[in-house]
Amino acid sequence: MQMTPTYWSQPKKNTYLIPQEIDNITDWVRANNLKLNSAKCCEIIISLPTSDRINLPPPHTGLTRVEDITALGVTFSKTLSFEPHVLKSGK
């Protein structure tokens, strides 16, 4: 019998951690003498294509929720599909 971790199967249950994680990122940026450009920050929730996306928490205040994201030139979708990357690369 395979068990799914609670934080994966019930994302609404751990939304209280989001502000803490954003604070951790902000602290890390300051400690490394970097600048955090909040205008370029966004939120993506990655899940399996077959998972129930009805139980998603609301978007975090100040962050835009996106369906795909590009990091170091590679585009990932919310299901970790490379289809958006391949479609962009083919243009």
C-alpha atoms as a PDB file:
ATOM      1  CA  MET A   1       0.000   0.000   0.000  1.00  0.00           C
ATOM      2  CA  GLN A   2       1.446   3.336  -1.093  1.00  0.00           C
ATOM      3  CA  MET A   3       0.798   6.376   1.063  1.00  0.00           C
ATOM      4  CA  THR A   4       0.871   9.930  -0.267  1.00  0.00           C
ATOM      5  CA  PRO A   5       2.434  12.526   2.035  1.00  0.00           C
ATOM      6  CA  THR A   6      -0.111  14.884   3.567  1.00  0.00           C
ATOM      7  CA  TYR A   7       1.587  17.999   2.194  1.00  0.00           C
ATOM      8  CA  TRP A   8       1.152  16.639  -1.345  1.00  0.00           C
ATOM      9  CA  SER A   9      -2.356  15.333  -1.080  1.00  0.00           C
ATOM     10  CA  GLN A  10      -3.802  18.244   0.870  1.00  0.00           C
ATOM     11  CA  PRO A  11      -2.113  21.484  -0.201  1.00  0.00           C
ATOM     12  CA  LYS A  12      -4.588  23.662   1.701  1.00  0.00           C
ATOM     13  CA  LYS A  13      -3.306  22.179   4.955  1.00  0.00           C
ATOM     14  CA  ASN A  14       0.173  23.719   4.628  1.00  0.00           C
ATOM     15  CA  THR A  15      -0.634  27.191   3.289  1.00  0.00           C
ATOM     16  CA  TYR A  16       0.373  28.623   6.660  1.00  0.00           C
ATOM     17  CA  LEU A  17       3.995  27.874   5.663  1.00  0.00           C
ATOM     18  CA  ILE A  18       3.990  30.197   2.635  1.00  0.00           C
ATOM     19  CA  PRO A  19       4.738  33.469   4.499  1.00  0.00           C
ATOM     20  CA  GLN A  20       7.497  31.715   6.462  1.00  0.00           C
ATOM     21  CA  GLU A  21       9.086  30.407   3.262  1.00  0.00           C
ATOM     22  CA  ILE A  22       8.912  33.836   1.632  1.00  0.00           C
ATOM     23  CA  ASP A  23      10.616  35.278   4.717  1.00  0.00           C
ATOM     24  CA  ASN A  24      13.315  32.574   4.418  1.00  0.00           C
ATOM     25  CA  ILE A  25      13.937  33.534   0.795  1.00  0.00           C
ATOM     26  CA  THR A  26      14.064  37.240   1.698  1.00  0.00           C
ATOM     27  CA  ASP A  27      16.550  36.532   4.505  1.00  0.00           C
ATOM     28  CA  TRP A  28      18.735  34.449   2.180  1.00  0.00           C
ATOM     29  CA  VAL A  29      18.723  37.216  -0.443  1.00  0.00           C
ATOM     30  CA  ARG A  30      19.783  39.816   2.126  1.00  0.00           C
ATOM     31  CA  ALA A  31      22.466  37.550   3.632  1.00  0.00           C
ATOM     32  CA  ASN A  32      23.978  37.090   0.168  1.00  0.00           C
ATOM     33  CA  ASN A  33      23.830  40.798  -0.743  1.00  0.00           C
ATOM     34  CA  LEU A  34      21.350  40.192  -3.549  1.00  0.00           C
ATOM     35  CA  LYS A  35      18.205  42.043  -4.559  1.00  0.00           C
ATOM     36  CA  LEU A  36      14.802  40.389  -4.762  1.00  0.00           C
ATOM     37  CA  ASN A  37      12.734  41.744  -7.628  1.00  0.00           C
ATOM     38  CA  SER A  38       9.193  41.051  -6.455  1.00  0.00           C
ATOM     39  CA  ALA A  39       7.834  42.158  -9.853  1.00  0.00           C
ATOM     40  CA  LYS A  40       9.513  39.085 -11.369  1.00  0.00           C
ATOM     41  CA  CYS A  41       8.363  36.659  -8.657  1.00  0.00           C
ATOM     42  CA  CYS A  42       5.496  34.277  -9.255  1.00  0.00           C
ATOM     43  CA  GLU A  43       3.914  31.162  -7.815  1.00  0.00           C
ATOM     44  CA  ILE A  44       3.516  27.823  -9.573  1.00  0.00           C
ATOM     45  CA  ILE A  45       1.907  24.743  -8.076  1.00  0.00           C
ATOM     46  CA  ILE A  46       3.357  21.597  -9.588  1.00  0.00           C
ATOM     47  CA  SER A  47       1.269  18.439  -9.492  1.00  0.00           C
ATOM     48  CA  LEU A  48       0.597  15.275 -11.423  1.00  0.00           C
ATOM     49  CA  PRO A  49      -1.714  15.696 -14.442  1.00  0.00           C
ATOM     50  CA  THR A  50      -4.166  13.252 -12.892  1.00  0.00           C
ATOM     51  CA  SER A  51      -4.265  14.948  -9.488  1.00  0.00           C
ATOM     52  CA  ASP A  52      -7.262  16.832  -8.178  1.00  0.00           C
ATOM     53  CA  ARG A  53      -6.542  20.525  -8.760  1.00  0.00           C
ATOM     54  CA  ILE A  54      -9.866  21.560  -7.190  1.00  0.00           C
ATOM     55  CA  ASN A  55      -8.366  21.651  -3.684  1.00  0.00           C
ATOM     56  CA  LEU A  56      -5.682  24.204  -4.493  1.00  0.00           C
ATOM     57  CA  PRO A  57      -5.208  27.019  -2.004  1.00  0.00           C
ATOM     58  CA  PRO A  58      -5.934  30.556  -3.182  1.00  0.00           C
ATOM     59  CA  PRO A  59      -2.994  32.434  -4.724  1.00  0.00           C
ATOM     60  CA  HIS A  60      -0.698  34.072  -2.205  1.00  0.00           C
ATOM     61  CA  THR A  61      -1.158  37.829  -1.818  1.00  0.00           C
ATOM     62  CA  GLY A  62       1.463  39.679  -3.836  1.00  0.00           C
ATOM     63  CA  LEU A  63       2.310  36.712  -6.070  1.00  0.00           C
ATOM     64  CA  THR A  64       0.852  35.880  -9.457  1.00  0.00           C
ATOM     65  CA  ARG A  65       0.023  32.206  -9.978  1.00  0.00           C
ATOM     66  CA  VAL A  66       1.242  30.926 -13.342  1.00  0.00           C
ATOM     67  CA  GLU A  67       0.658  27.771 -15.402  1.00  0.00           C
ATOM     68  CA  ASP A  68       4.251  27.490 -16.629  1.00  0.00           C
ATOM     69  CA  ILE A  69       7.582  29.033 -15.729  1.00  0.00           C
ATOM     70  CA  THR A  70      10.921  29.451 -17.457  1.00  0.00           C
ATOM     71  CA  ALA A  71      14.076  28.882 -15.427  1.00  0.00           C
ATOM     72  CA  LEU A  72      17.514  29.090 -17.044  1.00  0.00           C
ATOM     73  CA  GLY A  73      15.900  28.922 -20.472  1.00  0.00           C
ATOM     74  CA  VAL A  74      13.844  25.782 -19.803  1.00  0.00           C
ATOM     75  CA  THR A  75      10.061  26.101 -19.608  1.00  0.00           C
ATOM     76  CA  PHE A  76       8.219  23.847 -17.153  1.00  0.00           C
ATOM     77  CA  SER A  77       4.467  23.428 -16.918  1.00  0.00           C
ATOM     78  CA  LYS A  78       2.404  22.937 -13.759  1.00  0.00           C
ATOM     79  CA  THR A  79       2.580  19.182 -14.439  1.00  0.00           C
ATOM     80  CA  LEU A  80       6.343  19.210 -15.168  1.00  0.00           C
ATOM     81  CA  SER A  81       5.648  18.691 -18.837  1.00  0.00           C
ATOM     82  CA  PHE A  82       8.207  19.990 -21.322  1.00  0.00           C
ATOM     83  CA  GLU A  83       5.511  20.601 -23.948  1.00  0.00           C
ATOM     84  CA  PRO A  84       5.544  24.410 -23.444  1.00  0.00           C
ATOM     85  CA  HIS A  85       9.342  24.371 -23.820  1.00  0.00           C
ATOM     86  CA  VAL A  86       9.216  22.321 -27.016  1.00  0.00           C
ATOM     87  CA  LEU A  87       6.497  24.551 -28.477  1.00  0.00           C
ATOM     88  CA  LYS A  88       8.504  27.706 -27.684  1.00  0.00           C
ATOM     89  CA  SER A  89      11.718  26.159 -29.034  1.00  0.00           C
ATOM     90  CA  GLY A  90      10.058  25.240 -32.319  1.00  0.00           C
ATOM     91  CA  LYS A  91       9.191  28.843 -33.179  1.00  0.00           C
END
